[in-house]
Amino acid sequence: MEKAITAYAKGSWSFTTNAGFDGVLTITDDGRWSETRLGLSGRWEYDPVRVTVTMDGTDSEGAKPYIIPSVPKPAEDALSRGYRLLGGWSLSLGEKMKARRDKDAVVLEFEEFSDGQAGSPDHIESLIFTLTRFKEAP
């Protein structure tokens, strides 16, 4: 039986990006998340129609949360489609994201992201996160 997106997300994930950085993302049973690259943390919540993500410090000061509307409950369905993003970080990441599975990894592609360095050999037009679940806690 397929896991619900909330159960599937829990745990520790290593992540890499096509921008050349990596780290660890940890999601706990109570909806807390944290990552090691920038030391960010917050909460995430799934209700029957969307995922809402808040970031400690930033969102607690009145900023809008990051919302991904129309997220299906089964992980298999949620990780095989495109999404429109609202609020929060969508200003810097763009308003479109594709989610998919690639073997044991989850790949999130922020299609409209641009690093603003057009013409540079290191320019990135689409930011791609690859997340792989740790077999055991790091």
Protein backbone atom coordinates (compact mmCIF):
# COMPACT_ATOMS: atom_id res chain seq x y z
CA MET A 1 0.00 0.00 0.00
CA GLU A 2 1.28 3.48 -0.87
CA LYS A 3 2.25 5.76 2.02
CA ALA A 4 0.55 9.08 2.58
CA ILE A 5 2.73 12.09 1.76
CA THR A 6 3.04 12.99 5.49
CA ALA A 7 4.37 9.54 6.43
CA TYR A 8 6.63 9.40 3.38
CA ALA A 9 8.29 12.76 4.11
CA LYS A 10 9.33 12.00 7.71
CA GLY A 11 12.97 11.18 8.31
CA SER A 12 16.39 12.45 7.26
CA TRP A 13 17.24 13.15 3.65
CA SER A 14 20.55 14.10 2.06
CA PHE A 15 20.16 16.72 -0.65
CA THR A 16 22.24 18.00 -3.52
CA THR A 17 21.49 20.69 -6.08
CA ASN A 18 22.65 21.57 -9.53
CA ALA A 19 23.88 24.84 -7.96
CA GLY A 20 26.65 22.90 -6.22
CA PHE A 21 25.48 22.80 -2.62
CA ASP A 22 24.37 19.96 -0.41
CA GLY A 23 23.16 19.21 3.09
CA VAL A 24 20.74 17.24 5.20
CA LEU A 25 17.00 17.89 5.54
CA THR A 26 15.28 16.36 8.58
CA ILE A 27 11.49 16.17 8.99
CA THR A 28 10.10 15.03 12.35
CA ASP A 29 6.81 13.40 13.37
CA ASP A 30 5.45 16.70 14.73
CA GLY A 31 5.87 18.60 11.44
CA ARG A 32 9.18 20.31 12.24
CA TRP A 33 11.86 20.51 9.55
CA SER A 34 15.46 21.67 9.59
CA GLU A 35 18.35 21.69 7.15
CA THR A 36 22.11 21.85 7.58
CA ARG A 37 23.19 23.99 4.58
CA LEU A 38 21.96 27.37 5.89
CA GLY A 39 20.68 26.29 9.30
CA LEU A 40 17.06 26.98 8.38
CA SER A 41 14.13 25.39 10.19
CA GLY A 42 10.38 25.63 10.45
CA ARG A 43 7.14 23.65 10.26
CA TRP A 44 5.26 21.97 7.47
CA GLU A 45 1.66 20.88 7.46
CA TYR A 46 -0.49 18.90 5.05
CA ASP A 47 -4.23 19.34 4.95
CA PRO A 48 -6.55 17.63 2.45
CA VAL A 49 -5.73 20.10 -0.32
CA ARG A 50 -2.31 21.66 0.22
CA VAL A 51 1.09 21.72 1.90
CA THR A 52 1.97 24.81 3.94
CA VAL A 53 5.59 25.47 4.90
CA THR A 54 6.74 28.14 7.33
CA MET A 55 10.28 29.13 8.21
CA ASP A 56 11.34 30.08 11.73
CA GLY A 57 12.32 33.71 12.08
CA THR A 58 11.13 34.87 8.66
CA ASP A 59 7.54 33.68 8.61
CA SER A 60 7.01 34.33 12.31
CA GLU A 61 7.50 38.03 11.57
CA GLY A 62 4.34 38.23 9.45
CA ALA A 63 5.56 36.97 6.07
CA LYS A 64 3.20 34.76 4.12
CA PRO A 65 3.82 31.01 4.39
CA TYR A 66 4.93 28.99 1.39
CA ILE A 67 1.88 27.16 0.00
CA ILE A 68 1.73 24.33 -2.49
CA PRO A 69 -1.96 23.92 -3.40
CA SER A 70 -3.62 20.78 -4.74
CA VAL A 71 -1.23 18.18 -3.30
CA PRO A 72 -2.74 14.67 -3.41
CA LYS A 73 -2.46 12.55 -0.28
CA PRO A 74 -0.74 9.43 -1.71
CA ALA A 75 3.03 10.01 -1.99
CA GLU A 76 3.18 8.30 -5.38
CA ASP A 77 0.65 10.79 -6.80
CA ALA A 78 2.17 13.80 -5.02
CA LEU A 79 5.65 12.99 -6.36
CA SER A 80 4.72 12.73 -10.01
CA ARG A 81 3.33 16.09 -11.05
CA GLY A 82 3.82 19.81 -11.45
CA TYR A 83 2.69 22.43 -8.94
CA ARG A 84 1.96 26.13 -8.79
CA LEU A 85 3.63 27.74 -5.74
CA LEU A 86 2.21 30.60 -3.70
CA GLY A 87 3.67 33.02 -1.16
CA GLY A 88 6.80 32.53 0.91
CA TRP A 89 9.87 31.63 -1.12
CA SER A 90 8.01 31.49 -4.43
CA LEU A 91 9.25 35.03 -5.02
CA SER A 92 12.83 33.78 -5.34
CA LEU A 93 12.21 30.21 -6.54
CA GLY A 94 9.51 31.00 -9.09
CA GLU A 95 5.90 29.88 -9.15
CA LYS A 96 6.35 26.46 -10.76
CA MET A 97 7.80 23.24 -9.40
CA LYS A 98 7.89 19.69 -10.75
CA ALA A 99 8.17 16.74 -8.37
CA ARG A 100 9.19 13.24 -9.41
CA ARG A 101 10.82 10.10 -8.14
CA ASP A 102 14.09 8.91 -9.62
CA LYS A 103 14.87 5.44 -8.28
CA ASP A 104 15.26 5.97 -4.50
CA ALA A 105 15.43 9.76 -4.74
CA VAL A 106 12.90 12.58 -4.90
CA VAL A 107 13.69 15.31 -7.43
CA LEU A 108 12.21 18.80 -7.10
CA GLU A 109 12.73 21.15 -10.03
CA PHE A 110 11.99 24.85 -9.66
CA GLU A 111 11.56 25.63 -13.35
CA GLU A 112 11.38 29.43 -13.14
CA PHE A 113 14.39 29.90 -10.85
CA SER A 114 17.17 32.04 -12.27
CA ASP A 115 20.32 33.02 -10.44
CA GLY A 116 20.49 36.34 -12.30
CA GLN A 117 23.89 35.57 -13.83
CA ALA A 118 22.86 35.19 -17.49
CA GLY A 119 25.91 34.72 -19.69
CA SER A 120 28.04 33.32 -16.84
CA PRO A 121 29.37 29.75 -17.31
CA ASP A 122 27.91 28.93 -13.86
CA HIS A 123 24.44 30.33 -14.70
CA ILE A 124 21.47 28.23 -13.55
CA GLU A 125 18.07 28.61 -15.20
CA SER A 126 16.27 25.86 -13.31
CA LEU A 127 17.11 24.89 -9.72
CA ILE A 128 17.04 21.13 -9.11
CA PHE A 129 17.08 19.50 -5.66
CA THR A 130 17.74 15.76 -5.42
CA LEU A 131 16.78 14.28 -2.04
CA THR A 132 17.75 10.77 -0.93
CA ARG A 133 16.47 9.27 2.29
CA PHE A 134 19.11 8.09 4.76
CA LYS A 135 18.88 4.42 5.61
CA GLU A 136 19.64 5.36 9.24
CA ALA A 137 19.64 8.71 11.02
CA PRO A 138 22.89 10.64 10.30
